[in-house]
C-alpha atoms as a PDB file:
ATOM      1  CA  MET A   1     -18.588 -42.691   9.505  1.00  0.00           C
ATOM      2  CA  ALA A   2     -18.154 -41.017   6.125  1.00  0.00           C
ATOM      3  CA  ASN A   3     -14.640 -41.056   4.753  1.00  0.00           C
ATOM      4  CA  ALA A   4     -15.221 -38.989   1.631  1.00  0.00           C
ATOM      5  CA  LEU A   5     -16.961 -36.090  -0.010  1.00  0.00           C
ATOM      6  CA  VAL A   6     -17.573 -36.343  -3.733  1.00  0.00           C
ATOM      7  CA  SER A   7     -18.831 -33.370  -5.727  1.00  0.00           C
ATOM      8  CA  ILE A   8     -20.119 -33.962  -9.225  1.00  0.00           C
ATOM      9  CA  GLN A   9     -21.263 -31.823 -12.105  1.00  0.00           C
ATOM     10  CA  ILE A  10     -22.814 -34.054 -14.748  1.00  0.00           C
ATOM     11  CA  ILE A  11     -23.090 -32.777 -18.313  1.00  0.00           C
ATOM     12  CA  PRO A  12     -25.000 -35.127 -20.613  1.00  0.00           C
ATOM     13  CA  LYS A  13     -24.966 -34.709 -24.377  1.00  0.00           C
ATOM     14  CA  THR A  14     -28.630 -34.759 -25.306  1.00  0.00           C
ATOM     15  CA  LYS A  15     -29.964 -36.407 -28.459  1.00  0.00           C
ATOM     16  CA  ASN A  16     -31.243 -33.323 -30.241  1.00  0.00           C
ATOM     17  CA  GLY A  17     -29.767 -30.543 -28.135  1.00  0.00           C
ATOM     18  CA  GLU A  18     -32.764 -30.501 -25.811  1.00  0.00           C
ATOM     19  CA  ASP A  19     -32.672 -29.046 -22.309  1.00  0.00           C
ATOM     20  CA  VAL A  20     -30.388 -30.955 -19.934  1.00  0.00           C
ATOM     21  CA  ILE A  21     -32.363 -30.094 -16.773  1.00  0.00           C
ATOM     22  CA  PRO A  22     -34.557 -33.248 -16.895  1.00  0.00           C
ATOM     23  CA  TYR A  23     -31.347 -35.276 -17.224  1.00  0.00           C
ATOM     24  CA  VAL A  24     -29.733 -33.496 -14.281  1.00  0.00           C
ATOM     25  CA  ASP A  25     -32.912 -34.038 -12.250  1.00  0.00           C
ATOM     26  CA  ALA A  26     -32.706 -37.768 -13.043  1.00  0.00           C
ATOM     27  CA  ALA A  27     -29.037 -37.842 -12.005  1.00  0.00           C
ATOM     28  CA  ILE A  28     -29.920 -36.201  -8.691  1.00  0.00           C
ATOM     29  CA  ALA A  29     -32.728 -38.765  -8.269  1.00  0.00           C
ATOM     30  CA  VAL A  30     -30.076 -41.510  -8.493  1.00  0.00           C
ATOM     31  CA  ILE A  31     -28.313 -39.868  -5.548  1.00  0.00           C
ATOM     32  CA  GLU A  32     -31.579 -39.495  -3.639  1.00  0.00           C
ATOM     33  CA  GLU A  33     -32.412 -43.168  -4.144  1.00  0.00           C
ATOM     34  CA  SER A  34     -28.987 -44.199  -2.803  1.00  0.00           C
ATOM     35  CA  GLY A  35     -29.763 -42.816   0.647  1.00  0.00           C
ATOM     36  CA  VAL A  36     -26.449 -40.964   1.070  1.00  0.00           C
ATOM     37  CA  LYS A  37     -26.316 -37.483   2.522  1.00  0.00           C
ATOM     38  CA  TYR A  38     -26.072 -34.901  -0.249  1.00  0.00           C
ATOM     39  CA  GLN A  39     -26.437 -31.221  -1.002  1.00  0.00           C
ATOM     40  CA  VAL A  40     -27.448 -29.709  -4.337  1.00  0.00           C
ATOM     41  CA  ASN A  41     -25.629 -26.490  -5.207  1.00  0.00           C
ATOM     42  CA  PRO A  42     -25.981 -24.253  -8.268  1.00  0.00           C
ATOM     43  CA  LEU A  43     -23.133 -25.841 -10.253  1.00  0.00           C
ATOM     44  CA  GLU A  44     -22.581 -29.238  -8.632  1.00  0.00           C
ATOM     45  CA  THR A  45     -23.950 -31.676  -6.094  1.00  0.00           C
ATOM     46  CA  THR A  46     -21.887 -32.904  -3.143  1.00  0.00           C
ATOM     47  CA  MET A  47     -22.353 -36.334  -1.576  1.00  0.00           C
ATOM     48  CA  GLU A  48     -21.010 -37.566   1.771  1.00  0.00           C
ATOM     49  CA  GLY A  49     -20.244 -41.200   2.571  1.00  0.00           C
ATOM     50  CA  ASP A  50     -17.967 -44.130   1.886  1.00  0.00           C
ATOM     51  CA  LEU A  51     -15.753 -43.458  -1.151  1.00  0.00           C
ATOM     52  CA  THR A  52     -16.462 -46.833  -2.767  1.00  0.00           C
ATOM     53  CA  LYS A  53     -20.224 -46.319  -2.503  1.00  0.00           C
ATOM     54  CA  LEU A  54     -20.019 -42.727  -3.764  1.00  0.00           C
ATOM     55  CA  LEU A  55     -18.025 -43.753  -6.826  1.00  0.00           C
ATOM     56  CA  ALA A  56     -20.600 -46.463  -7.550  1.00  0.00           C
ATOM     57  CA  ILE A  57     -23.286 -43.752  -7.450  1.00  0.00           C
ATOM     58  CA  VAL A  58     -21.292 -41.686  -9.955  1.00  0.00           C
ATOM     59  CA  GLU A  59     -21.236 -44.731 -12.242  1.00  0.00           C
ATOM     60  CA  LYS A  60     -25.015 -45.207 -11.876  1.00  0.00           C
ATOM     61  CA  MET A  61     -25.576 -41.527 -12.666  1.00  0.00           C
ATOM     62  CA  ASN A  62     -23.632 -41.882 -15.911  1.00  0.00           C
ATOM     63  CA  GLN A  63     -25.492 -45.079 -16.793  1.00  0.00           C
ATOM     64  CA  LYS A  64     -28.815 -43.310 -16.184  1.00  0.00           C
ATOM     65  CA  MET A  65     -27.853 -40.575 -18.644  1.00  0.00           C
ATOM     66  CA  THR A  66     -27.156 -43.099 -21.401  1.00  0.00           C
ATOM     67  CA  GLU A  67     -30.377 -44.976 -20.591  1.00  0.00           C
ATOM     68  CA  MET A  68     -32.180 -41.672 -21.168  1.00  0.00           C
ATOM     69  CA  GLY A  69     -30.561 -41.337 -24.586  1.00  0.00           C
ATOM     70  CA  SER A  70     -27.364 -39.377 -24.004  1.00  0.00           C
ATOM     71  CA  THR A  71     -24.689 -40.387 -26.475  1.00  0.00           C
ATOM     72  CA  ASN A  72     -21.993 -39.412 -23.966  1.00  0.00           C
ATOM     73  CA  VAL A  73     -21.607 -37.795 -20.565  1.00  0.00           C
ATOM     74  CA  ILE A  74     -18.978 -35.546 -19.046  1.00  0.00           C
ATOM     75  CA  SER A  75     -18.705 -35.892 -15.265  1.00  0.00           C
ATOM     76  CA  GLN A  76     -16.565 -33.350 -13.483  1.00  0.00           C
ATOM     77  CA  VAL A  77     -15.749 -34.869 -10.110  1.00  0.00           C
ATOM     78  CA  LYS A  78     -13.941 -33.565  -7.018  1.00  0.00           C
ATOM     79  CA  ILE A  79     -13.043 -35.965  -4.222  1.00  0.00           C
ATOM     80  CA  LEU A  80     -12.005 -35.378  -0.641  1.00  0.00           C
ATOM     81  CA  TYR A  81     -10.839 -38.665   0.838  1.00  0.00           C
ATOM     82  CA  GLN A  82     -10.159 -38.493   4.548  1.00  0.00           C
ATOM     83  CA  PRO A  83     -10.064 -41.847   6.381  1.00  0.00           C
ATOM     84  CA  SER A  84     -10.403 -40.095   9.749  1.00  0.00           C
ATOM     85  CA  GLY A  85     -13.799 -38.742   8.674  1.00  0.00           C
ATOM     86  CA  ALA A  86     -15.219 -36.269   6.169  1.00  0.00           C
ATOM     87  CA  SER A  87     -18.207 -34.010   6.697  1.00  0.00           C
ATOM     88  CA  MET A  88     -19.825 -31.266   4.630  1.00  0.00           C
ATOM     89  CA  ASN A  89     -20.982 -29.557   7.807  1.00  0.00           C
ATOM     90  CA  LYS A  90     -17.529 -29.594   9.360  1.00  0.00           C
ATOM     91  CA  LEU A  91     -15.967 -28.025   6.279  1.00  0.00           C
ATOM     92  CA  THR A  92     -18.547 -25.248   6.045  1.00  0.00           C
ATOM     93  CA  GLU A  93     -19.643 -24.597   9.655  1.00  0.00           C
ATOM     94  CA  LYS A  94     -17.592 -21.409   9.995  1.00  0.00           C
ATOM     95  CA  TYR A  95     -19.601 -19.866   7.139  1.00  0.00           C
ATOM     96  CA  ARG A  96     -22.978 -20.430   8.769  1.00  0.00           C
END
């Protein structure tokens, strides 16, 4: 059972001011490859799972940005930690 939701907006500093979208796409690919449940939204992506695993994914996302040539990365992160269980669907079901 998932015990956390982690939302992240990743903002890489690109080498020559080029478009960040390919970088963001690569960051989302890191999430996809992890196998955790996630949802891409216009300004951030939310992941659902074990907090330790989700934070490791955040670290891999940042590492990927530097591998691609970013000199630094800003990651804006929101965390819901709920040992009894955390679910994106449960939090948003009344809006559907």
